[in-house]
């Protein structure tokens, strides 16, 4: 049933996984500077800001639409913000991370809703959140990076996040858009080809009976959880 595609296996595990991801993201983005520097600090701060903004806005949208806040939506929003800010975390000011969090929510939420309407089976919203979030973040770098005055290290003001690297401009925006589109096409083609080869050897999709019954039982011969039984004295 398409309605079951968005039902999580275990909501507390979703929250735990999000917390672990968020903690690890500081090392992922901040550690990309390969040094304990101001750039690493900026990347970590920007990650926190974008993730928090997206979390709050996603929660607010679900609250308005559904009449109540949801923990799963909160977690998805946080990951959307973190995934979107990753390509530009070490190159933008904190205000730009705030804007990125807003853009992440609007784009990723819309993509997730589109996926639901089309009935696609997108586990963990990989396309809607990670894919489109990363695409948007990559493109936004050309718009939100430091200004032209930060292009030369010797004359750059101290306020620059990562002087001598990327600065915002129309040319940079075009480069980011072209690179993101090329990566998207490459990833789709290679993934499609690999899945076709794998499916020819080992079927990727389980049988209809297994899907409607218990995948654990069908694939592994045992259940993940002991069935709940009525308590009797």
Protein backbone atom coordinates (compact mmCIF):
# COMPACT_ATOMS: atom_id res chain seq x y z
CA UNK A 1 0.00 0.00 0.00
CA UNK A 2 1.44 3.38 -1.02
CA UNK A 3 0.17 4.90 2.24
CA UNK A 4 2.45 2.59 4.20
CA UNK A 5 5.61 3.84 2.48
CA UNK A 6 5.95 6.74 4.92
CA UNK A 7 5.19 4.77 8.08
CA UNK A 8 8.48 4.45 9.99
CA UNK A 9 9.56 1.13 11.43
CA UNK A 10 10.29 2.68 14.82
CA UNK A 11 9.82 6.38 15.64
CA UNK A 12 12.23 6.43 18.62
CA UNK A 13 14.88 4.90 16.35
CA UNK A 14 14.23 7.67 13.83
CA UNK A 15 14.89 10.27 16.54
CA UNK A 16 17.98 8.43 17.78
CA UNK A 17 19.35 8.13 14.26
CA UNK A 18 18.77 11.81 13.60
CA UNK A 19 20.58 12.77 16.80
CA UNK A 20 23.56 10.60 15.83
CA UNK A 21 23.57 12.05 12.32
CA UNK A 22 23.45 15.62 13.61
CA UNK A 23 26.34 14.97 16.00
CA UNK A 24 28.36 13.35 13.24
CA UNK A 25 27.61 16.17 10.83
CA UNK A 26 29.78 18.53 12.87
CA UNK A 27 32.73 16.28 12.21
CA UNK A 28 31.69 15.80 8.60
CA UNK A 29 31.38 19.49 7.71
CA UNK A 30 33.73 20.99 10.26
CA UNK A 31 36.31 18.27 9.70
CA UNK A 32 36.35 18.98 5.97
CA UNK A 33 38.60 21.97 6.78
CA UNK A 34 41.27 19.41 7.80
CA UNK A 35 42.37 21.73 10.60
CA UNK A 36 41.10 23.34 13.78
CA UNK A 37 40.63 26.68 12.07
CA UNK A 38 38.13 29.50 11.72
CA UNK A 39 36.81 27.82 8.58
CA UNK A 40 36.08 24.64 10.54
CA UNK A 41 34.27 26.67 13.19
CA UNK A 42 32.23 28.47 10.52
CA UNK A 43 31.28 25.18 8.89
CA UNK A 44 30.11 23.73 12.22
CA UNK A 45 28.15 26.86 13.14
CA UNK A 46 26.52 27.06 9.72
CA UNK A 47 25.54 23.39 9.94
CA UNK A 48 23.83 24.00 13.28
CA UNK A 49 21.98 27.07 12.01
CA UNK A 50 20.71 25.51 8.79
CA UNK A 51 19.67 22.30 10.51
CA UNK A 52 17.83 24.16 13.28
CA UNK A 53 16.03 26.53 10.91
CA UNK A 54 14.89 23.69 8.64
CA UNK A 55 13.79 21.63 11.67
CA UNK A 56 11.63 24.47 12.99
CA UNK A 57 10.07 25.36 9.62
CA UNK A 58 9.32 21.72 8.72
CA UNK A 59 7.71 21.29 12.13
CA UNK A 60 5.66 24.46 11.63
CA UNK A 61 4.45 23.36 8.18
CA UNK A 62 3.30 19.98 9.49
CA UNK A 63 1.67 21.63 12.50
CA UNK A 64 -0.31 23.93 10.22
CA UNK A 65 -1.24 21.21 7.72
CA UNK A 66 -1.93 18.35 10.13
CA UNK A 67 -3.07 20.20 13.23
CA UNK A 68 -0.23 18.82 15.37
CA UNK A 69 3.58 18.65 15.31
CA UNK A 70 5.26 15.38 14.42
CA UNK A 71 8.56 13.94 15.60
CA UNK A 72 9.30 12.22 12.28
CA UNK A 73 8.75 15.45 10.33
CA UNK A 74 10.99 17.29 12.77
CA UNK A 75 13.77 14.78 12.14
CA UNK A 76 13.35 14.89 8.36
CA UNK A 77 13.49 18.70 8.43
CA UNK A 78 16.71 18.68 10.43
CA UNK A 79 18.39 16.30 7.99
CA UNK A 80 17.15 18.40 5.06
CA UNK A 81 18.83 21.48 6.50
CA UNK A 82 22.06 19.64 7.22
CA UNK A 83 22.20 18.01 3.80
CA UNK A 84 21.51 21.28 1.98
CA UNK A 85 24.08 23.35 3.85
CA UNK A 86 26.87 20.77 3.45
CA UNK A 87 28.20 21.97 0.04
CA UNK A 88 28.52 25.57 1.26
CA UNK A 89 29.05 25.28 5.02
CA UNK A 90 32.69 26.36 4.89
CA UNK A 91 32.21 29.23 2.45
CA UNK A 92 29.29 31.33 3.72
CA UNK A 93 28.35 33.62 6.59
CA UNK A 94 25.87 32.55 9.31
CA UNK A 95 23.09 34.66 7.76
CA UNK A 96 23.50 32.66 4.55
CA UNK A 97 23.14 29.42 6.52
CA UNK A 98 19.83 30.78 7.84
CA UNK A 99 18.66 31.44 4.29
CA UNK A 100 19.85 27.98 3.28
CA UNK A 101 17.72 26.42 6.02
CA UNK A 102 14.65 28.18 4.65
CA UNK A 103 15.37 27.12 1.07
CA UNK A 104 16.04 23.55 2.23
CA UNK A 105 12.64 23.33 3.88
CA UNK A 106 10.68 24.74 0.96
CA UNK A 107 12.40 22.68 -1.74
CA UNK A 108 12.77 19.39 0.13
CA UNK A 109 9.25 19.47 1.55
CA UNK A 110 7.84 20.11 -1.91
CA UNK A 111 9.92 17.26 -3.37
CA UNK A 112 8.75 14.86 -0.65
CA UNK A 113 5.12 15.78 -1.30
CA UNK A 114 5.64 15.33 -5.05
CA UNK A 115 7.14 11.92 -4.44
CA UNK A 116 4.10 10.92 -2.39
CA UNK A 117 1.71 12.03 -5.14
CA UNK A 118 3.67 10.08 -7.75
CA UNK A 119 3.73 7.00 -5.52
CA UNK A 120 7.50 6.48 -5.69
CA UNK A 121 9.14 4.19 -3.13
CA UNK A 122 11.94 6.47 -1.93
CA UNK A 123 13.36 4.93 1.23
CA UNK A 124 14.39 7.57 3.78
CA UNK A 125 13.48 10.33 1.28
CA UNK A 126 16.93 9.97 -0.26
CA UNK A 127 15.94 11.83 -3.42
CA UNK A 128 13.67 14.44 -1.86
CA UNK A 129 15.94 15.35 1.06
CA UNK A 130 19.53 14.29 0.40
CA UNK A 131 19.49 14.48 -3.38
CA UNK A 132 17.53 17.67 -3.97
CA UNK A 133 18.85 19.26 -0.78
CA UNK A 134 22.43 18.67 -1.88
CA UNK A 135 21.61 19.94 -5.38
CA UNK A 136 20.08 23.16 -4.04
CA UNK A 137 22.95 23.70 -1.62
CA UNK A 138 25.50 23.28 -4.38
CA UNK A 139 23.74 25.86 -6.54
CA UNK A 140 23.24 28.30 -3.65
CA UNK A 141 27.00 28.46 -3.11
CA UNK A 142 27.26 30.64 -6.21
CA UNK A 143 24.75 33.06 -4.69
CA UNK A 144 25.56 33.05 -0.97
CA UNK A 145 29.37 32.76 -0.84
CA UNK A 146 31.50 35.65 0.39
CA UNK A 147 31.70 38.75 -1.86
CA UNK A 148 34.37 39.53 -4.45
CA UNK A 149 36.56 41.34 -1.90
CA UNK A 150 37.34 37.94 -0.33
CA UNK A 151 38.87 36.53 -3.52
CA UNK A 152 42.44 37.56 -2.65
CA UNK A 153 43.85 36.36 0.66
CA UNK A 154 46.32 39.24 1.08
CA UNK A 155 43.67 41.96 0.83
CA UNK A 156 40.63 40.08 2.16
CA UNK A 157 38.93 41.49 5.27
CA UNK A 158 38.93 39.42 8.45
CA UNK A 159 35.19 38.84 8.12
CA UNK A 160 35.71 36.48 5.17
CA UNK A 161 34.93 32.86 6.00
CA UNK A 162 37.27 31.21 3.49
CA UNK A 163 39.29 33.87 1.70
CA UNK A 164 40.93 33.05 -1.60
CA UNK A 165 38.51 30.28 -2.53
CA UNK A 166 34.92 30.77 -3.72
CA UNK A 167 33.13 34.11 -4.05
CA UNK A 168 29.61 34.77 -5.22
CA UNK A 169 29.07 35.85 -8.81
CA UNK A 170 27.00 35.07 -11.87
CA UNK A 171 29.88 33.07 -13.29
CA UNK A 172 30.22 31.00 -10.12
CA UNK A 173 26.47 30.39 -10.06
CA UNK A 174 26.66 29.03 -13.61
CA UNK A 175 29.56 26.76 -12.67
CA UNK A 176 27.72 25.44 -9.63
CA UNK A 177 24.55 24.78 -11.60
CA UNK A 178 26.42 22.99 -14.39
CA UNK A 179 28.44 20.88 -11.95
CA UNK A 180 25.37 19.91 -9.91
CA UNK A 181 23.42 18.96 -13.03
CA UNK A 182 26.34 16.91 -14.39
CA UNK A 183 26.71 15.05 -11.09
CA UNK A 184 22.96 14.36 -10.98
CA UNK A 185 22.95 12.90 -14.50
CA UNK A 186 26.12 10.87 -13.86
CA UNK A 187 24.75 9.48 -10.59
CA UNK A 188 21.45 8.49 -12.21
CA UNK A 189 23.04 6.76 -15.19
CA UNK A 190 25.66 4.84 -13.19
CA UNK A 191 23.21 3.85 -10.45
CA UNK A 192 20.64 2.67 -13.00
CA UNK A 193 23.24 0.59 -14.79
CA UNK A 194 24.56 -0.98 -11.57
CA UNK A 195 21.06 -1.82 -10.34
CA UNK A 196 20.23 -3.47 -13.67
CA UNK A 197 23.36 -5.64 -13.45
CA UNK A 198 22.68 -6.52 -9.81
CA UNK A 199 19.03 -7.32 -10.53
CA UNK A 200 20.07 -9.71 -13.29
CA UNK A 201 22.11 -11.67 -10.76
CA UNK A 202 20.08 -11.26 -7.57
CA UNK A 203 16.53 -9.82 -7.73
CA UNK A 204 16.46 -6.53 -5.85
CA UNK A 205 12.74 -6.52 -5.14
CA UNK A 206 11.28 -9.30 -2.98
CA UNK A 207 8.24 -11.25 -4.10
CA UNK A 208 4.72 -9.94 -3.60
CA UNK A 209 3.95 -12.52 -0.92
CA UNK A 210 7.05 -11.59 1.05
CA UNK A 211 6.20 -7.90 0.89
CA UNK A 212 2.65 -8.44 2.11
CA UNK A 213 3.75 -10.87 4.79
CA UNK A 214 6.94 -10.60 6.81
CA UNK A 215 10.18 -9.74 5.03
CA UNK A 216 12.19 -10.80 8.08
CA UNK A 217 10.57 -14.22 8.03
CA UNK A 218 10.83 -14.60 4.26
CA UNK A 219 14.42 -13.40 3.91
CA UNK A 220 16.00 -14.53 7.19
CA UNK A 221 13.65 -17.13 8.61
CA UNK A 222 13.11 -15.23 11.84
CA UNK A 223 11.26 -12.18 13.18
CA UNK A 224 12.94 -9.01 14.39
CA UNK A 225 10.49 -8.71 17.28
CA UNK A 226 8.72 -11.31 19.38
CA UNK A 227 4.95 -11.09 18.71
CA UNK A 228 3.05 -9.43 21.54
CA UNK A 229 0.87 -11.84 23.49
CA UNK A 230 -2.02 -11.12 25.84
CA UNK A 231 -1.00 -11.06 29.48
CA UNK A 232 -2.59 -13.80 31.58
CA UNK A 233 -2.21 -14.53 35.25
